Amino acid sequence: MSEDKPTPKAPGEGGRLMALAFRRFAGPPEVQGAVQGGSNQAREAWKQDLERRKQWSREQRERKRAEREARRDGH
Protein backbone atom coordinates (compact mmCIF):
# COMPACT_ATOMS: atom_id res chain seq x y z
CA MET A 1 0.00 0.00 0.00
CA SER A 2 1.20 3.45 -0.78
CA GLU A 3 0.74 6.41 1.47
CA ASP A 4 -1.05 9.27 -0.22
CA LYS A 5 0.41 12.49 1.07
CA PRO A 6 -0.89 15.88 0.04
CA THR A 7 1.33 17.62 -2.47
CA PRO A 8 3.42 20.31 -0.81
CA LYS A 9 2.72 23.90 -1.77
CA ALA A 10 5.33 26.01 -3.44
CA PRO A 11 7.34 28.20 -1.10
CA GLY A 12 5.58 31.50 -0.62
CA GLU A 13 2.20 30.19 -1.69
CA GLY A 14 0.87 30.22 1.84
CA GLY A 15 -2.43 28.89 3.03
CA ARG A 16 -5.86 30.23 3.87
CA LEU A 17 -4.53 32.80 6.32
CA MET A 18 -2.03 34.15 3.79
CA ALA A 19 -4.69 34.32 1.06
CA LEU A 20 -7.03 36.19 3.40
CA ALA A 21 -4.28 38.64 4.39
CA PHE A 22 -3.33 39.19 0.76
CA ARG A 23 -6.91 39.91 -0.29
CA ARG A 24 -7.41 42.20 2.69
CA PHE A 25 -4.25 44.27 2.35
CA ALA A 26 -3.45 44.10 -1.36
CA GLY A 27 -7.00 44.36 -2.61
CA PRO A 28 -8.11 43.60 -6.14
CA PRO A 29 -5.55 43.92 -8.93
CA GLU A 30 -5.72 47.09 -10.96
CA VAL A 31 -4.66 46.96 -14.59
CA GLN A 32 -5.87 50.34 -15.79
CA GLY A 33 -2.90 52.26 -17.15
CA ALA A 34 -0.49 49.35 -16.65
CA VAL A 35 0.77 49.23 -20.24
CA GLN A 36 0.63 52.93 -21.02
CA GLY A 37 2.72 54.11 -18.12
CA GLY A 38 2.10 56.89 -15.67
CA SER A 39 2.54 60.00 -17.80
CA ASN A 40 2.12 61.20 -21.36
CA GLN A 41 5.89 61.50 -21.66
CA ALA A 42 6.35 57.87 -20.58
CA ARG A 43 3.63 56.76 -23.01
CA GLU A 44 5.24 58.60 -25.92
CA ALA A 45 8.70 57.23 -25.07
CA TRP A 46 7.27 53.70 -24.95
CA LYS A 47 5.58 54.17 -28.35
CA GLN A 48 8.76 55.53 -29.90
CA ASP A 49 10.81 52.66 -28.49
CA LEU A 50 8.30 50.14 -29.81
CA GLU A 51 8.39 51.72 -33.27
CA ARG A 52 12.22 51.66 -33.30
CA ARG A 53 12.18 47.98 -32.36
CA LYS A 54 9.64 47.18 -35.10
CA GLN A 55 11.70 49.12 -37.65
CA TRP A 56 14.86 47.23 -36.64
CA SER A 57 13.00 43.91 -37.00
CA ARG A 58 11.71 44.90 -40.45
CA GLU A 59 15.23 45.85 -41.53
CA GLN A 60 16.64 42.55 -40.26
CA ARG A 61 13.97 40.54 -42.07
CA GLU A 62 14.61 42.46 -45.29
CA ARG A 63 18.39 41.99 -44.95
CA LYS A 64 17.99 38.24 -44.46
CA ARG A 65 15.54 38.02 -47.34
CA ALA A 66 17.99 39.85 -49.62
CA GLU A 67 20.82 37.52 -48.57
CA ARG A 68 18.69 34.44 -49.31
CA GLU A 69 17.74 35.78 -52.73
CA ALA A 70 21.37 36.63 -53.51
CA ARG A 71 22.45 33.09 -52.60
CA ARG A 72 19.62 31.59 -54.61
CA ASP A 73 20.42 33.72 -57.70
CA GLY A 74 24.15 33.02 -57.37
CA HIS A 75 23.76 29.22 -57.62
C-alpha atoms as a PDB file:
ATOM      1  CA  MET A   1       0.000   0.000   0.000  1.00  0.00           C
ATOM      2  CA  SER A   2       1.197   3.454  -0.777  1.00  0.00           C
ATOM      3  CA  GLU A   3       0.740   6.411   1.472  1.00  0.00           C
ATOM      4  CA  ASP A   4      -1.050   9.266  -0.222  1.00  0.00           C
ATOM      5  CA  LYS A   5       0.408  12.488   1.073  1.00  0.00           C
ATOM      6  CA  PRO A   6      -0.886  15.881   0.043  1.00  0.00           C
ATOM      7  CA  THR A   7       1.332  17.623  -2.467  1.00  0.00           C
ATOM      8  CA  PRO A   8       3.415  20.312  -0.808  1.00  0.00           C
ATOM      9  CA  LYS A   9       2.721  23.902  -1.768  1.00  0.00           C
ATOM     10  CA  ALA A  10       5.329  26.009  -3.441  1.00  0.00           C
ATOM     11  CA  PRO A  11       7.337  28.201  -1.104  1.00  0.00           C
ATOM     12  CA  GLY A  12       5.584  31.502  -0.620  1.00  0.00           C
ATOM     13  CA  GLU A  13       2.205  30.187  -1.691  1.00  0.00           C
ATOM     14  CA  GLY A  14       0.865  30.224   1.837  1.00  0.00           C
ATOM     15  CA  GLY A  15      -2.435  28.895   3.025  1.00  0.00           C
ATOM     16  CA  ARG A  16      -5.859  30.229   3.869  1.00  0.00           C
ATOM     17  CA  LEU A  17      -4.529  32.798   6.315  1.00  0.00           C
ATOM     18  CA  MET A  18      -2.030  34.147   3.789  1.00  0.00           C
ATOM     19  CA  ALA A  19      -4.689  34.320   1.061  1.00  0.00           C
ATOM     20  CA  LEU A  20      -7.028  36.194   3.398  1.00  0.00           C
ATOM     21  CA  ALA A  21      -4.283  38.635   4.385  1.00  0.00           C
ATOM     22  CA  PHE A  22      -3.328  39.191   0.760  1.00  0.00           C
ATOM     23  CA  ARG A  23      -6.914  39.905  -0.285  1.00  0.00           C
ATOM     24  CA  ARG A  24      -7.411  42.200   2.693  1.00  0.00           C
ATOM     25  CA  PHE A  25      -4.248  44.267   2.348  1.00  0.00           C
ATOM     26  CA  ALA A  26      -3.446  44.104  -1.360  1.00  0.00           C
ATOM     27  CA  GLY A  27      -6.999  44.356  -2.606  1.00  0.00           C
ATOM     28  CA  PRO A  28      -8.111  43.597  -6.145  1.00  0.00           C
ATOM     29  CA  PRO A  29      -5.553  43.919  -8.925  1.00  0.00           C
ATOM     30  CA  GLU A  30      -5.717  47.095 -10.958  1.00  0.00           C
ATOM     31  CA  VAL A  31      -4.665  46.962 -14.594  1.00  0.00           C
ATOM     32  CA  GLN A  32      -5.874  50.338 -15.786  1.00  0.00           C
ATOM     33  CA  GLY A  33      -2.901  52.258 -17.155  1.00  0.00           C
ATOM     34  CA  ALA A  34      -0.492  49.351 -16.648  1.00  0.00           C
ATOM     35  CA  VAL A  35       0.770  49.232 -20.244  1.00  0.00           C
ATOM     36  CA  GLN A  36       0.628  52.932 -21.015  1.00  0.00           C
ATOM     37  CA  GLY A  37       2.717  54.112 -18.121  1.00  0.00           C
ATOM     38  CA  GLY A  38       2.103  56.887 -15.674  1.00  0.00           C
ATOM     39  CA  SER A  39       2.545  59.999 -17.799  1.00  0.00           C
ATOM     40  CA  ASN A  40       2.116  61.200 -21.357  1.00  0.00           C
ATOM     41  CA  GLN A  41       5.889  61.504 -21.662  1.00  0.00           C
ATOM     42  CA  ALA A  42       6.353  57.866 -20.581  1.00  0.00           C
ATOM     43  CA  ARG A  43       3.634  56.762 -23.014  1.00  0.00           C
ATOM     44  CA  GLU A  44       5.245  58.595 -25.916  1.00  0.00           C
ATOM     45  CA  ALA A  45       8.700  57.229 -25.067  1.00  0.00           C
ATOM     46  CA  TRP A  46       7.266  53.704 -24.954  1.00  0.00           C
ATOM     47  CA  LYS A  47       5.581  54.171 -28.347  1.00  0.00           C
ATOM     48  CA  GLN A  48       8.763  55.530 -29.903  1.00  0.00           C
ATOM     49  CA  ASP A  49      10.815  52.661 -28.492  1.00  0.00           C
ATOM     50  CA  LEU A  50       8.302  50.143 -29.813  1.00  0.00           C
ATOM     51  CA  GLU A  51       8.388  51.721 -33.273  1.00  0.00           C
ATOM     52  CA  ARG A  52      12.218  51.659 -33.301  1.00  0.00           C
ATOM     53  CA  ARG A  53      12.180  47.981 -32.365  1.00  0.00           C
ATOM     54  CA  LYS A  54       9.643  47.183 -35.096  1.00  0.00           C
ATOM     55  CA  GLN A  55      11.701  49.118 -37.650  1.00  0.00           C
ATOM     56  CA  TRP A  56      14.856  47.229 -36.643  1.00  0.00           C
ATOM     57  CA  SER A  57      12.997  43.910 -36.996  1.00  0.00           C
ATOM     58  CA  ARG A  58      11.705  44.900 -40.447  1.00  0.00           C
ATOM     59  CA  GLU A  59      15.230  45.853 -41.533  1.00  0.00           C
ATOM     60  CA  GLN A  60      16.643  42.551 -40.265  1.00  0.00           C
ATOM     61  CA  ARG A  61      13.973  40.544 -42.070  1.00  0.00           C
ATOM     62  CA  GLU A  62      14.607  42.464 -45.293  1.00  0.00           C
ATOM     63  CA  ARG A  63      18.386  41.986 -44.951  1.00  0.00           C
ATOM     64  CA  LYS A  64      17.993  38.238 -44.464  1.00  0.00           C
ATOM     65  CA  ARG A  65      15.538  38.016 -47.343  1.00  0.00           C
ATOM     66  CA  ALA A  66      17.990  39.853 -49.621  1.00  0.00           C
ATOM     67  CA  GLU A  67      20.816  37.518 -48.566  1.00  0.00           C
ATOM     68  CA  ARG A  68      18.692  34.445 -49.309  1.00  0.00           C
ATOM     69  CA  GLU A  69      17.736  35.777 -52.728  1.00  0.00           C
ATOM     70  CA  ALA A  70      21.370  36.633 -53.507  1.00  0.00           C
ATOM     71  CA  ARG A  71      22.454  33.089 -52.595  1.00  0.00           C
ATOM     72  CA  ARG A  72      19.623  31.590 -54.613  1.00  0.00           C
ATOM     73  CA  ASP A  73      20.417  33.716 -57.698  1.00  0.00           C
ATOM     74  CA  GLY A  74      24.148  33.016 -57.367  1.00  0.00           C
ATOM     75  CA  HIS A  75      23.764  29.225 -57.621  1.00  0.00           C
END
